[in-house]
Every structure is written in structure tokens, then in C-alpha cells.
Amino acid sequence: MKLLSVNLGRPEAVPYTDHVDGVTGIDKRPVEGPVRVTAPGPKGVGGSGLAGDAVCEKKHHGGDDQAVYAVAREDLDAWEHELGRPLRNGVFGENLTTSGLDVSGALIGERWRVGPDLLLEVTSGRIPCQTFQGHLGERQWVRRFTAQAAPGAYLRVIEPGEIRAGDAIEIVRRPDHEVTVAFQFRAVTTERALLPRILAAAEWLHPEAVETARKYVAKYGS
């Protein structure tokens, strides 16, 4: 398991974002050399965990529980086949493009050591938005991406560190529950009857997903 590329985005004016200034950092590109990764601060205040990476819409993106976004190269390859077009590393807006790691099959709370120092913890799957659809330029992309249920993973920073392309990735902890990134994603999108079951991972889960699940349980029961 290894890191194929570290991808950073710069603010760019586009016609398809709802950001008040009309800019987005979703178009991330691989970079050479080391990149420092730290906890960026609370959502709404902190942006990306990667130095030099832009998060423009902080209401829905960035912050400690979404500090880093990872996508498996294997998932990009599958989409290449389906879409009939090349997809470079970073095109999904991911900070980390990985190889040999089942990112969407990772357990919530799973911890990854990336390189010698950085320690990350899986928190949730990525929910697609209209900016993502506009960036890809694919019709009904939000629906298609959601149906695939392989969203890639958001991660929080447990121990900061520098990373670079080629670094090894090691899974150093796997919690004892069933809630994978894909399972959690399905629960909050297309299969909401699963919501009570994601609370088994509440200790590590993104707080917004925990709140969604608890509201569901309060209304419908477990």
C-alpha cells in the first residue's frame, strides 16, 4: 500500500460553484516534494490539512474531521472504464491518491500511518455536490457517484507530519465494528434504514453523521 500522489488545489474562478466569490479549490494537481499535514481547526474556520491546499467553501468542506480526502487509484481506474476518458490523480478533488488500499472499504476509525510520521484516522465518506459535478462535466454525476457507493474517505490528523508521493501506507488500527466508509455513505444517502447501525462507530465517526443517525433513531427508533 502506498501513496501515488499528493494533490493540492488553488482557488479558481468557475461558473459552477455556489461559493459567494465563485471560486473553488476542487481541481487538485499532483505536486513534487514533501507536503506538511496538520489538523486545520474546526469546520467553518479551518480549511485543508495540507499546507498549500485551498478549501474555499468552509461551510461544507475542510476542518479537523475532513482535513484530508483520499481516493484509491483503483476506483479512478474503474471510473475511467465506465466514463471512457482518462482521469488523472487529483481529479476527484482528493488530496491523496493511493494504490493497494481499499479506501471505501476502510473502517470508520481505522488509522493509517503515511510515511514515517503522519497518522490519519478515517471519519466518513465524501458526499458529492454540484461543484463536483460541474468540475467533472458529467451529466447526472451526483446520482451516478452516489449509486456507486465508493466515495473515498475523509480523514482527521492524529499526528502531523510530512508526506510525499511514494510513501508507504500502513494500517495500524482497525476498530471492531462493521461500519466501513461505504456502509456509512449508503446510510446517509440511499439506505437511511442503516443509520442506527453506524452509531457503533460513533466514537470515531464525523460528528455530523453521528447527529444525523441520532436524529433518525429519535424519530424512527433503532
C-alpha atoms as a PDB file:
ATOM      1  CA  MET A   1       0.000   0.000   0.000  1.00  0.00           C
ATOM      2  CA  LYS A   2       1.456   3.315  -0.990  1.00  0.00           C
ATOM      3  CA  LEU A   3       0.800   6.947  -1.759  1.00  0.00           C
ATOM      4  CA  LEU A   4       0.851   7.532  -5.519  1.00  0.00           C
ATOM      5  CA  SER A   5       0.481  11.306  -5.357  1.00  0.00           C
ATOM      6  CA  VAL A   6      -0.134  14.232  -3.037  1.00  0.00           C
ATOM      7  CA  ASN A   7      -2.545  16.665  -4.691  1.00  0.00           C
ATOM      8  CA  LEU A   8      -3.114  20.337  -3.918  1.00  0.00           C
ATOM      9  CA  GLY A   9      -5.617  22.849  -5.286  1.00  0.00           C
ATOM     10  CA  ARG A  10      -5.532  26.590  -5.796  1.00  0.00           C
ATOM     11  CA  PRO A  11      -8.554  28.928  -5.763  1.00  0.00           C
ATOM     12  CA  GLU A  12     -10.016  29.099  -9.240  1.00  0.00           C
ATOM     13  CA  ALA A  13     -12.997  31.067 -10.558  1.00  0.00           C
ATOM     14  CA  VAL A  14     -15.573  28.756 -12.158  1.00  0.00           C
ATOM     15  CA  PRO A  15     -19.218  29.108 -13.246  1.00  0.00           C
ATOM     16  CA  TYR A  16     -20.475  26.005 -11.410  1.00  0.00           C
ATOM     17  CA  THR A  17     -19.838  26.714  -7.719  1.00  0.00           C
ATOM     18  CA  ASP A  18     -22.232  28.198  -5.169  1.00  0.00           C
ATOM     19  CA  HIS A  19     -19.367  29.895  -3.303  1.00  0.00           C
ATOM     20  CA  VAL A  20     -20.128  33.570  -2.800  1.00  0.00           C
ATOM     21  CA  ASP A  21     -16.907  34.557  -4.604  1.00  0.00           C
ATOM     22  CA  GLY A  22     -17.403  31.991  -7.374  1.00  0.00           C
ATOM     23  CA  VAL A  23     -14.169  30.140  -6.603  1.00  0.00           C
ATOM     24  CA  THR A  24     -13.260  26.556  -5.763  1.00  0.00           C
ATOM     25  CA  GLY A  25     -10.141  24.556  -4.949  1.00  0.00           C
ATOM     26  CA  ILE A  26     -11.516  21.240  -6.228  1.00  0.00           C
ATOM     27  CA  ASP A  27      -9.127  20.980  -9.187  1.00  0.00           C
ATOM     28  CA  LYS A  28      -6.211  19.424  -7.320  1.00  0.00           C
ATOM     29  CA  ARG A  29      -2.924  18.529  -9.013  1.00  0.00           C
ATOM     30  CA  PRO A  30      -0.039  16.260  -8.001  1.00  0.00           C
ATOM     31  CA  VAL A  31       2.947  18.075  -6.507  1.00  0.00           C
ATOM     32  CA  GLU A  32       6.599  17.178  -6.083  1.00  0.00           C
ATOM     33  CA  GLY A  33       8.415  17.166  -2.780  1.00  0.00           C
ATOM     34  CA  PRO A  34       7.196  16.993   0.825  1.00  0.00           C
ATOM     35  CA  VAL A  35       3.895  18.463   1.991  1.00  0.00           C
ATOM     36  CA  ARG A  36       3.188  19.225   5.641  1.00  0.00           C
ATOM     37  CA  VAL A  37      -0.104  17.847   7.007  1.00  0.00           C
ATOM     38  CA  THR A  38      -1.625  19.148  10.256  1.00  0.00           C
ATOM     39  CA  ALA A  39      -5.045  19.488  11.879  1.00  0.00           C
ATOM     40  CA  PRO A  40      -6.526  22.666  10.338  1.00  0.00           C
ATOM     41  CA  GLY A  41      -9.013  23.613  13.066  1.00  0.00           C
ATOM     42  CA  PRO A  42     -12.798  23.375  13.434  1.00  0.00           C
ATOM     43  CA  LYS A  43     -15.088  23.194  10.425  1.00  0.00           C
ATOM     44  CA  GLY A  44     -16.125  26.630   9.261  1.00  0.00           C
ATOM     45  CA  VAL A  45     -12.776  28.042  10.367  1.00  0.00           C
ATOM     46  CA  GLY A  46     -10.129  25.525   9.324  1.00  0.00           C
ATOM     47  CA  GLY A  47      -9.645  24.509   5.725  1.00  0.00           C
ATOM     48  CA  SER A  48      -7.442  21.754   4.376  1.00  0.00           C
ATOM     49  CA  GLY A  49      -4.961  19.843   6.494  1.00  0.00           C
ATOM     50  CA  LEU A  50      -2.375  20.054   3.718  1.00  0.00           C
ATOM     51  CA  ALA A  51      -0.132  23.099   3.520  1.00  0.00           C
ATOM     52  CA  GLY A  52      -0.735  24.981   0.279  1.00  0.00           C
ATOM     53  CA  ASP A  53      -4.118  23.386  -0.437  1.00  0.00           C
ATOM     54  CA  ALA A  54      -7.173  25.616  -0.876  1.00  0.00           C
ATOM     55  CA  VAL A  55     -10.599  24.984   0.651  1.00  0.00           C
ATOM     56  CA  CYS A  56     -12.834  27.843  -0.459  1.00  0.00           C
ATOM     57  CA  GLU A  57     -16.245  26.758   0.834  1.00  0.00           C
ATOM     58  CA  LYS A  58     -15.578  26.138   4.531  1.00  0.00           C
ATOM     59  CA  LYS A  59     -19.245  25.732   5.455  1.00  0.00           C
ATOM     60  CA  HIS A  60     -19.303  22.255   3.923  1.00  0.00           C
ATOM     61  CA  HIS A  61     -15.634  21.399   3.390  1.00  0.00           C
ATOM     62  CA  GLY A  62     -12.462  21.231   5.426  1.00  0.00           C
ATOM     63  CA  GLY A  63     -11.974  21.343   9.164  1.00  0.00           C
ATOM     64  CA  ASP A  64     -10.492  18.803  11.536  1.00  0.00           C
ATOM     65  CA  ASP A  65     -12.874  15.960  10.637  1.00  0.00           C
ATOM     66  CA  GLN A  66     -12.398  16.483   6.891  1.00  0.00           C
ATOM     67  CA  ALA A  67      -8.763  17.522   6.947  1.00  0.00           C
ATOM     68  CA  VAL A  68      -7.647  15.085   4.245  1.00  0.00           C
ATOM     69  CA  TYR A  69      -9.525  13.380   1.407  1.00  0.00           C
ATOM     70  CA  ALA A  70      -8.235  10.110  -0.064  1.00  0.00           C
ATOM     71  CA  VAL A  71      -9.273   8.198  -3.189  1.00  0.00           C
ATOM     72  CA  ALA A  72      -7.993   4.840  -4.417  1.00  0.00           C
ATOM     73  CA  ARG A  73      -6.368   4.809  -7.839  1.00  0.00           C
ATOM     74  CA  GLU A  74      -8.260   1.559  -8.409  1.00  0.00           C
ATOM     75  CA  ASP A  75     -11.562   3.458  -8.114  1.00  0.00           C
ATOM     76  CA  LEU A  76     -10.359   6.111 -10.558  1.00  0.00           C
ATOM     77  CA  ASP A  77      -9.409   3.313 -12.968  1.00  0.00           C
ATOM     78  CA  ALA A  78     -12.903   1.815 -12.687  1.00  0.00           C
ATOM     79  CA  TRP A  79     -14.450   5.191 -13.465  1.00  0.00           C
ATOM     80  CA  GLU A  80     -12.077   5.619 -16.421  1.00  0.00           C
ATOM     81  CA  HIS A  81     -13.504   2.436 -17.882  1.00  0.00           C
ATOM     82  CA  GLU A  82     -17.099   3.490 -17.258  1.00  0.00           C
ATOM     83  CA  LEU A  83     -16.717   7.067 -18.482  1.00  0.00           C
ATOM     84  CA  GLY A  84     -14.421   6.244 -21.392  1.00  0.00           C
ATOM     85  CA  ARG A  85     -11.933   9.005 -20.570  1.00  0.00           C
ATOM     86  CA  PRO A  86      -8.667   9.323 -18.650  1.00  0.00           C
ATOM     87  CA  LEU A  87      -8.830  10.504 -15.050  1.00  0.00           C
ATOM     88  CA  ARG A  88      -5.600  11.867 -13.605  1.00  0.00           C
ATOM     89  CA  ASN A  89      -4.676  11.728  -9.943  1.00  0.00           C
ATOM     90  CA  GLY A  90      -6.408  14.534  -8.049  1.00  0.00           C
ATOM     91  CA  VAL A  91      -9.297  14.932 -10.486  1.00  0.00           C
ATOM     92  CA  PHE A  92     -11.877  13.947  -7.848  1.00  0.00           C
ATOM     93  CA  GLY A  93     -10.516  16.708  -5.620  1.00  0.00           C
ATOM     94  CA  GLU A  94      -8.623  14.201  -3.499  1.00  0.00           C
ATOM     95  CA  ASN A  95      -5.503  15.130  -1.569  1.00  0.00           C
ATOM     96  CA  LEU A  96      -4.160  11.578  -1.518  1.00  0.00           C
ATOM     97  CA  THR A  97      -4.322   9.142  -4.417  1.00  0.00           C
ATOM     98  CA  THR A  98      -3.486   5.681  -3.087  1.00  0.00           C
ATOM     99  CA  SER A  99      -2.530   2.300  -4.513  1.00  0.00           C
ATOM    100  CA  GLY A 100      -3.239  -1.113  -2.996  1.00  0.00           C
ATOM    101  CA  LEU A 101      -5.588   0.267  -0.323  1.00  0.00           C
ATOM    102  CA  ASP A 102      -9.368  -0.285  -0.255  1.00  0.00           C
ATOM    103  CA  VAL A 103     -10.214   3.273   0.740  1.00  0.00           C
ATOM    104  CA  SER A 104     -14.011   2.981   0.635  1.00  0.00           C
ATOM    105  CA  GLY A 105     -13.752  -0.364   2.416  1.00  0.00           C
ATOM    106  CA  ALA A 106     -11.822   1.185   5.291  1.00  0.00           C
ATOM    107  CA  LEU A 107     -13.486   1.085   8.695  1.00  0.00           C
ATOM    108  CA  ILE A 108     -14.559   4.299  10.375  1.00  0.00           C
ATOM    109  CA  GLY A 109     -11.872   4.896  12.999  1.00  0.00           C
ATOM    110  CA  GLU A 110      -9.243   2.966  11.056  1.00  0.00           C
ATOM    111  CA  ARG A 111      -5.817   4.579  11.375  1.00  0.00           C
ATOM    112  CA  TRP A 112      -3.224   4.895   8.638  1.00  0.00           C
ATOM    113  CA  ARG A 113       0.445   5.684   9.036  1.00  0.00           C
ATOM    114  CA  VAL A 114       1.530   7.557   5.906  1.00  0.00           C
ATOM    115  CA  GLY A 115       5.264   7.957   5.602  1.00  0.00           C
ATOM    116  CA  PRO A 116       7.296   7.940   8.805  1.00  0.00           C
ATOM    117  CA  ASP A 117       5.325  10.478  10.850  1.00  0.00           C
ATOM    118  CA  LEU A 118       1.786  11.246   9.660  1.00  0.00           C
ATOM    119  CA  LEU A 119      -1.047   9.377  11.392  1.00  0.00           C
ATOM    120  CA  LEU A 120      -4.572   9.720   9.970  1.00  0.00           C
ATOM    121  CA  GLU A 121      -7.956   8.434  11.142  1.00  0.00           C
ATOM    122  CA  VAL A 122     -10.900   7.636   8.855  1.00  0.00           C
ATOM    123  CA  THR A 123     -14.051   9.645   9.681  1.00  0.00           C
ATOM    124  CA  SER A 124     -16.570   9.382   6.824  1.00  0.00           C
ATOM    125  CA  GLY A 125     -17.218   9.167   3.113  1.00  0.00           C
ATOM    126  CA  ARG A 126     -17.341  12.131   0.766  1.00  0.00           C
ATOM    127  CA  ILE A 127     -20.815  13.394  -0.179  1.00  0.00           C
ATOM    128  CA  PRO A 128     -20.887  14.593  -3.812  1.00  0.00           C
ATOM    129  CA  CYS A 129     -22.035  18.117  -4.615  1.00  0.00           C
ATOM    130  CA  GLN A 130     -22.890  20.209  -7.651  1.00  0.00           C
ATOM    131  CA  THR A 131     -19.396  21.704  -7.715  1.00  0.00           C
ATOM    132  CA  PHE A 132     -18.015  18.168  -8.092  1.00  0.00           C
ATOM    133  CA  GLN A 133     -20.484  17.534 -10.922  1.00  0.00           C
ATOM    134  CA  GLY A 134     -19.554  20.770 -12.665  1.00  0.00           C
ATOM    135  CA  HIS A 135     -15.872  20.030 -12.303  1.00  0.00           C
ATOM    136  CA  LEU A 136     -16.200  16.543 -13.834  1.00  0.00           C
ATOM    137  CA  GLY A 137     -18.552  17.754 -16.550  1.00  0.00           C
ATOM    138  CA  GLU A 138     -20.562  14.537 -16.448  1.00  0.00           C
ATOM    139  CA  ARG A 139     -24.366  14.563 -16.646  1.00  0.00           C
ATOM    140  CA  GLN A 140     -26.128  13.278 -13.519  1.00  0.00           C
ATOM    141  CA  TRP A 141     -22.745  12.812 -11.897  1.00  0.00           C
ATOM    142  CA  VAL A 142     -24.013  13.253  -8.321  1.00  0.00           C
ATOM    143  CA  ARG A 143     -26.566  10.483  -8.835  1.00  0.00           C
ATOM    144  CA  ARG A 144     -24.082   8.176 -10.563  1.00  0.00           C
ATOM    145  CA  PHE A 145     -21.339   8.709  -7.976  1.00  0.00           C
ATOM    146  CA  THR A 146     -23.828   8.121  -5.155  1.00  0.00           C
ATOM    147  CA  ALA A 147     -25.124   4.911  -6.722  1.00  0.00           C
ATOM    148  CA  GLN A 148     -21.567   3.546  -6.954  1.00  0.00           C
ATOM    149  CA  ALA A 149     -21.105   3.954  -3.160  1.00  0.00           C
ATOM    150  CA  ALA A 150     -17.319   4.127  -3.396  1.00  0.00           C
ATOM    151  CA  PRO A 151     -16.885   7.703  -2.190  1.00  0.00           C
ATOM    152  CA  GLY A 152     -13.325   7.748  -0.904  1.00  0.00           C
ATOM    153  CA  ALA A 153     -12.561   8.685   2.683  1.00  0.00           C
ATOM    154  CA  TYR A 154     -12.233  11.802   4.750  1.00  0.00           C
ATOM    155  CA  LEU A 155      -9.611  11.613   7.483  1.00  0.00           C
ATOM    156  CA  ARG A 156      -8.608  13.603  10.553  1.00  0.00           C
ATOM    157  CA  VAL A 157      -4.996  14.208  11.568  1.00  0.00           C
ATOM    158  CA  ILE A 158      -3.957  12.382  14.752  1.00  0.00           C
ATOM    159  CA  GLU A 159      -0.217  13.037  14.458  1.00  0.00           C
ATOM    160  CA  PRO A 160       1.072  15.652  11.987  1.00  0.00           C
ATOM    161  CA  GLY A 161       3.876  15.004   9.567  1.00  0.00           C
ATOM    162  CA  GLU A 162       5.311  15.480   6.097  1.00  0.00           C
ATOM    163  CA  ILE A 163       4.357  13.211   3.217  1.00  0.00           C
ATOM    164  CA  ARG A 164       5.333  12.822  -0.410  1.00  0.00           C
ATOM    165  CA  ALA A 165       4.496  10.639  -3.402  1.00  0.00           C
ATOM    166  CA  GLY A 166       5.856   7.115  -2.955  1.00  0.00           C
ATOM    167  CA  ASP A 167       5.421   6.997   0.822  1.00  0.00           C
ATOM    168  CA  ALA A 168       4.266   3.695   2.290  1.00  0.00           C
ATOM    169  CA  ILE A 169       0.813   3.479   3.880  1.00  0.00           C
ATOM    170  CA  GLU A 170       0.311   1.117   6.808  1.00  0.00           C
ATOM    171  CA  ILE A 171      -2.972   0.315   8.528  1.00  0.00           C
ATOM    172  CA  VAL A 172      -2.073   0.440  12.213  1.00  0.00           C
ATOM    173  CA  ARG A 173      -5.529   0.041  13.774  1.00  0.00           C
ATOM    174  CA  ARG A 174      -8.853  -1.446  12.713  1.00  0.00           C
ATOM    175  CA  PRO A 175     -11.762  -0.994  15.155  1.00  0.00           C
ATOM    176  CA  ASP A 176     -14.071  -3.879  15.998  1.00  0.00           C
ATOM    177  CA  HIS A 177     -17.285  -2.907  14.188  1.00  0.00           C
ATOM    178  CA  GLU A 178     -18.887  -3.303  10.744  1.00  0.00           C
ATOM    179  CA  VAL A 179     -19.070   0.335   9.669  1.00  0.00           C
ATOM    180  CA  THR A 180     -16.957   0.916   6.598  1.00  0.00           C
ATOM    181  CA  VAL A 181     -16.787   4.170   4.678  1.00  0.00           C
ATOM    182  CA  ALA A 182     -19.057   2.684   2.002  1.00  0.00           C
ATOM    183  CA  PHE A 183     -21.554   1.465   4.638  1.00  0.00           C
ATOM    184  CA  GLN A 184     -21.664   4.889   6.299  1.00  0.00           C
ATOM    185  CA  PHE A 185     -22.068   6.589   2.916  1.00  0.00           C
ATOM    186  CA  ARG A 186     -25.018   4.372   1.978  1.00  0.00           C
ATOM    187  CA  ALA A 187     -26.598   5.048   5.371  1.00  0.00           C
ATOM    188  CA  VAL A 188     -26.544   8.822   4.950  1.00  0.00           C
ATOM    189  CA  THR A 189     -27.572   8.788   1.285  1.00  0.00           C
ATOM    190  CA  THR A 190     -29.579   5.937  -0.263  1.00  0.00           C
ATOM    191  CA  GLU A 191     -30.220   3.462   2.596  1.00  0.00           C
ATOM    192  CA  ARG A 192     -31.191   5.507   5.621  1.00  0.00           C
ATOM    193  CA  ALA A 193     -32.555   2.486   7.471  1.00  0.00           C
ATOM    194  CA  LEU A 194     -28.878   1.680   8.079  1.00  0.00           C
ATOM    195  CA  LEU A 195     -28.369   4.860  10.110  1.00  0.00           C
ATOM    196  CA  PRO A 196     -28.836   3.282  13.568  1.00  0.00           C
ATOM    197  CA  ARG A 197     -26.066   0.794  12.808  1.00  0.00           C
ATOM    198  CA  ILE A 198     -23.439   3.450  12.081  1.00  0.00           C
ATOM    199  CA  LEU A 199     -23.644   4.543  15.721  1.00  0.00           C
ATOM    200  CA  ALA A 200     -21.466   1.536  16.526  1.00  0.00           C
ATOM    201  CA  ALA A 201     -18.666   3.756  15.184  1.00  0.00           C
ATOM    202  CA  ALA A 202     -19.832   6.968  16.866  1.00  0.00           C
ATOM    203  CA  GLU A 203     -16.561   7.343  18.786  1.00  0.00           C
ATOM    204  CA  TRP A 204     -14.669   7.950  15.538  1.00  0.00           C
ATOM    205  CA  LEU A 205     -17.377   8.998  13.088  1.00  0.00           C
ATOM    206  CA  HIS A 206     -17.708  12.500  11.673  1.00  0.00           C
ATOM    207  CA  PRO A 207     -19.885  14.432  14.194  1.00  0.00           C
ATOM    208  CA  GLU A 208     -22.389  15.438  11.505  1.00  0.00           C
ATOM    209  CA  ALA A 209     -23.029  11.787  10.622  1.00  0.00           C
ATOM    210  CA  VAL A 210     -23.471  10.961  14.299  1.00  0.00           C
ATOM    211  CA  GLU A 211     -26.035  13.743  14.640  1.00  0.00           C
ATOM    212  CA  THR A 212     -27.910  12.527  11.540  1.00  0.00           C
ATOM    213  CA  ALA A 213     -28.033   8.980  12.896  1.00  0.00           C
ATOM    214  CA  ARG A 214     -29.185  10.047  16.353  1.00  0.00           C
ATOM    215  CA  LYS A 215     -31.982  12.185  14.908  1.00  0.00           C
ATOM    216  CA  TYR A 216     -33.113   9.218  12.838  1.00  0.00           C
ATOM    217  CA  VAL A 217     -33.151   6.949  15.901  1.00  0.00           C
ATOM    218  CA  ALA A 218     -35.071   9.553  17.913  1.00  0.00           C
ATOM    219  CA  LYS A 219     -37.722   9.741  15.199  1.00  0.00           C
ATOM    220  CA  TYR A 220     -37.959   6.156  13.989  1.00  0.00           C
ATOM    221  CA  GLY A 221     -36.228   4.053  16.627  1.00  0.00           C
ATOM    222  CA  SER A 222     -33.398   1.619  16.167  1.00  0.00           C
END
